[in-house]
C-alpha atoms as a PDB file:
ATOM      1  CA  MET A   1      -0.710 -23.978 -13.750  1.00  0.00           C
ATOM      2  CA  GLU A   2       2.417 -22.111 -12.657  1.00  0.00           C
ATOM      3  CA  ALA A   3       3.982 -21.192  -9.361  1.00  0.00           C
ATOM      4  CA  GLU A   4       4.341 -18.362  -7.216  1.00  0.00           C
ATOM      5  CA  LYS A   5       6.962 -16.333  -7.265  1.00  0.00           C
ATOM      6  CA  PRO A   6       8.013 -15.794  -4.748  1.00  0.00           C
ATOM      7  CA  LEU A   7       7.867 -11.736  -3.429  1.00  0.00           C
ATOM      8  CA  ARG A   8      10.039  -9.400  -3.693  1.00  0.00           C
ATOM      9  CA  GLN A   9      11.982  -7.227  -0.830  1.00  0.00           C
ATOM     10  CA  ASP A  10      13.209  -3.347  -1.328  1.00  0.00           C
ATOM     11  CA  TRP A  11      13.826  -0.589  -0.679  1.00  0.00           C
ATOM     12  CA  PHE A  12      11.991   2.754  -0.099  1.00  0.00           C
ATOM     13  CA  LEU A  13      13.236   5.989   0.280  1.00  0.00           C
ATOM     14  CA  ASP A  14      15.386   4.943   3.692  1.00  0.00           C
ATOM     15  CA  PRO A  15      17.600   1.684   4.040  1.00  0.00           C
ATOM     16  CA  ALA A  16      15.415   0.463   7.311  1.00  0.00           C
ATOM     17  CA  ARG A  17      11.980   0.456   5.613  1.00  0.00           C
ATOM     18  CA  ARG A  18      11.456  -2.281   3.479  1.00  0.00           C
ATOM     19  CA  ILE A  19       8.917  -2.827   0.836  1.00  0.00           C
ATOM     20  CA  TRP A  20       7.992  -6.086  -0.076  1.00  0.00           C
ATOM     21  CA  GLN A  21       6.360  -6.282  -3.724  1.00  0.00           C
ATOM     22  CA  HIS A  22       4.537  -8.822  -6.212  1.00  0.00           C
ATOM     23  CA  PRO A  23       7.231  -8.951  -9.491  1.00  0.00           C
ATOM     24  CA  ASP A  24       3.088  -9.182 -11.349  1.00  0.00           C
ATOM     25  CA  HIS A  25       2.681  -6.302  -9.379  1.00  0.00           C
ATOM     26  CA  PHE A  26       2.971  -2.543  -9.179  1.00  0.00           C
ATOM     27  CA  ARG A  27       6.183  -1.621  -8.033  1.00  0.00           C
ATOM     28  CA  PHE A  28       7.510   1.413  -6.682  1.00  0.00           C
ATOM     29  CA  ASN A  29       9.298   3.817  -8.460  1.00  0.00           C
ATOM     30  CA  THR A  30      10.665   7.380  -8.358  1.00  0.00           C
ATOM     31  CA  ASP A  31       6.562   9.088  -8.915  1.00  0.00           C
ATOM     32  CA  THR A  32       5.969   6.872  -5.780  1.00  0.00           C
ATOM     33  CA  ALA A  33       8.556   8.148  -4.112  1.00  0.00           C
ATOM     34  CA  LEU A  34       7.717  12.405  -4.856  1.00  0.00           C
ATOM     35  CA  LEU A  35       4.245  11.643  -3.961  1.00  0.00           C
ATOM     36  CA  ALA A  36       5.157  10.666  -1.266  1.00  0.00           C
ATOM     37  CA  LYS A  37       8.478  13.661   0.250  1.00  0.00           C
ATOM     38  CA  PHE A  38       4.690  15.432  -1.570  1.00  0.00           C
ATOM     39  CA  MET A  39       2.508  14.348   1.098  1.00  0.00           C
ATOM     40  CA  VAL A  40       2.383  16.664   3.906  1.00  0.00           C
ATOM     41  CA  ILE A  41       0.083  14.512   7.199  1.00  0.00           C
ATOM     42  CA  ARG A  42      -0.929  16.030   9.941  1.00  0.00           C
ATOM     43  CA  PRO A  43      -1.106  13.572  13.373  1.00  0.00           C
ATOM     44  CA  GLY A  44      -3.993  12.488  14.131  1.00  0.00           C
ATOM     45  CA  GLU A  45      -5.057  12.787  10.691  1.00  0.00           C
ATOM     46  CA  THR A  46      -7.053  10.268   8.718  1.00  0.00           C
ATOM     47  CA  VAL A  47      -5.304   9.324   5.104  1.00  0.00           C
ATOM     48  CA  ILE A  48      -7.156   7.452   2.257  1.00  0.00           C
ATOM     49  CA  ASP A  49      -4.377   6.251  -0.518  1.00  0.00           C
ATOM     50  CA  ILE A  50      -7.564   4.944  -3.241  1.00  0.00           C
ATOM     51  CA  GLY A  51      -5.538   1.973  -5.927  1.00  0.00           C
ATOM     52  CA  THR A  52      -2.748   1.631  -2.259  1.00  0.00           C
ATOM     53  CA  ASN A  53      -1.247  -1.488  -4.996  1.00  0.00           C
ATOM     54  CA  ASN A  54       1.794  -2.837  -1.506  1.00  0.00           C
ATOM     55  CA  GLY A  55       0.564   0.133   0.985  1.00  0.00           C
ATOM     56  CA  VAL A  56       4.511   1.728   0.396  1.00  0.00           C
ATOM     57  CA  LEU A  57       1.875   5.270   0.474  1.00  0.00           C
ATOM     58  CA  LEU A  58       0.648   4.098   4.105  1.00  0.00           C
ATOM     59  CA  VAL A  59       3.840   2.428   5.071  1.00  0.00           C
ATOM     60  CA  TYR A  60       5.695   6.315   4.824  1.00  0.00           C
ATOM     61  CA  ALA A  61       2.477   8.799   6.763  1.00  0.00           C
ATOM     62  CA  ASP A  62       3.012   6.044   9.003  1.00  0.00           C
ATOM     63  CA  ASP A  63       5.198   8.150  10.483  1.00  0.00           C
ATOM     64  CA  SER A  64       3.542  10.492  10.464  1.00  0.00           C
ATOM     65  CA  HIS A  65       1.174   8.963  13.142  1.00  0.00           C
ATOM     66  CA  PRO A  66      -1.973   8.871  11.324  1.00  0.00           C
ATOM     67  CA  ALA A  67      -4.901   8.726  13.066  1.00  0.00           C
ATOM     68  CA  LEU A  68      -6.312   5.977  10.786  1.00  0.00           C
ATOM     69  CA  MET A  69      -4.793   4.368   7.931  1.00  0.00           C
ATOM     70  CA  THR A  70      -6.629   3.146   5.129  1.00  0.00           C
ATOM     71  CA  GLY A  71      -5.349   1.509   1.296  1.00  0.00           C
ATOM     72  CA  ILE A  72      -8.211   0.329  -0.664  1.00  0.00           C
ATOM     73  CA  GLU A  73      -7.393  -2.337  -3.590  1.00  0.00           C
ATOM     74  CA  LEU A  74      -8.799  -3.833  -6.543  1.00  0.00           C
ATOM     75  CA  LEU A  75      -6.233  -7.013  -6.985  1.00  0.00           C
ATOM     76  CA  HIS A  76      -6.552  -9.649  -4.469  1.00  0.00           C
ATOM     77  CA  GLU A  77      -2.623 -10.082  -5.020  1.00  0.00           C
ATOM     78  CA  PRO A  78      -1.398  -6.501  -3.787  1.00  0.00           C
ATOM     79  CA  ALA A  79      -4.912  -5.443  -0.833  1.00  0.00           C
ATOM     80  CA  GLN A  80      -2.224  -9.335   0.697  1.00  0.00           C
ATOM     81  CA  VAL A  81       1.344  -7.786   0.706  1.00  0.00           C
ATOM     82  CA  ALA A  82      -0.817  -4.785   1.194  1.00  0.00           C
ATOM     83  CA  ARG A  83      -1.626  -6.404   4.871  1.00  0.00           C
ATOM     84  CA  LEU A  84       2.014  -7.760   5.234  1.00  0.00           C
ATOM     85  CA  ASN A  85       3.980  -4.658   4.282  1.00  0.00           C
ATOM     86  CA  LEU A  86       1.670  -2.668   7.519  1.00  0.00           C
ATOM     87  CA  SER A  87       1.807  -4.931  10.009  1.00  0.00           C
ATOM     88  CA  VAL A  88       5.050  -3.160  11.271  1.00  0.00           C
ATOM     89  CA  CYS A  89       3.053   0.272  11.287  1.00  0.00           C
ATOM     90  CA  ARG A  90       2.288   1.390  14.837  1.00  0.00           C
ATOM     91  CA  SER A  91      -0.225   3.921  13.432  1.00  0.00           C
ATOM     92  CA  PRO A  92      -4.180   2.077  13.131  1.00  0.00           C
ATOM     93  CA  TRP A  93      -5.139   0.308   9.611  1.00  0.00           C
ATOM     94  CA  GLU A  94      -7.102  -1.275   7.408  1.00  0.00           C
ATOM     95  CA  ILE A  95      -7.115  -2.520   3.275  1.00  0.00           C
ATOM     96  CA  LEU A  96     -10.070  -2.751   2.045  1.00  0.00           C
ATOM     97  CA  GLU A  97     -10.514  -4.594  -1.111  1.00  0.00           C
ATOM     98  CA  VAL A  98     -13.410  -3.523  -3.796  1.00  0.00           C
ATOM     99  CA  CYS A  99     -14.522  -5.691  -6.436  1.00  0.00           C
ATOM    100  CA  PRO A 100     -13.506  -5.038 -10.171  1.00  0.00           C
ATOM    101  CA  VAL A 101     -16.259  -2.766 -11.780  1.00  0.00           C
ATOM    102  CA  ASP A 102     -16.753  -5.385 -14.709  1.00  0.00           C
ATOM    103  CA  THR A 103     -18.044  -8.086 -12.169  1.00  0.00           C
ATOM    104  CA  VAL A 104     -21.087  -6.320 -10.611  1.00  0.00           C
ATOM    105  CA  THR A 105     -24.131  -5.655 -12.641  1.00  0.00           C
ATOM    106  CA  LEU A 106     -24.419  -2.122 -13.743  1.00  0.00           C
ATOM    107  CA  LEU A 107     -29.015  -1.010 -14.004  1.00  0.00           C
END
């Protein structure tokens, strides 16, 4: 069995905003930073990030003081990393893991 790879920590748009990332899954990039800067979130709004991966956009959204932040992720490892990253957020949050379509019998 292969040893689990350690998480990597990088900063996102601000050296004080540290984000954990899994080396085998999507890591944020310039597109992620541009999308974060494009977001307009008003205090008290609800934020949903479908395909949240490591939760970096939700961590960034926390600066806007939303009422609730929800991340939806298919894969277990990225969902766990998102929970770790969101543990420092002040706004209420949840990460939902949904089963991949290929594990569901469609009628």
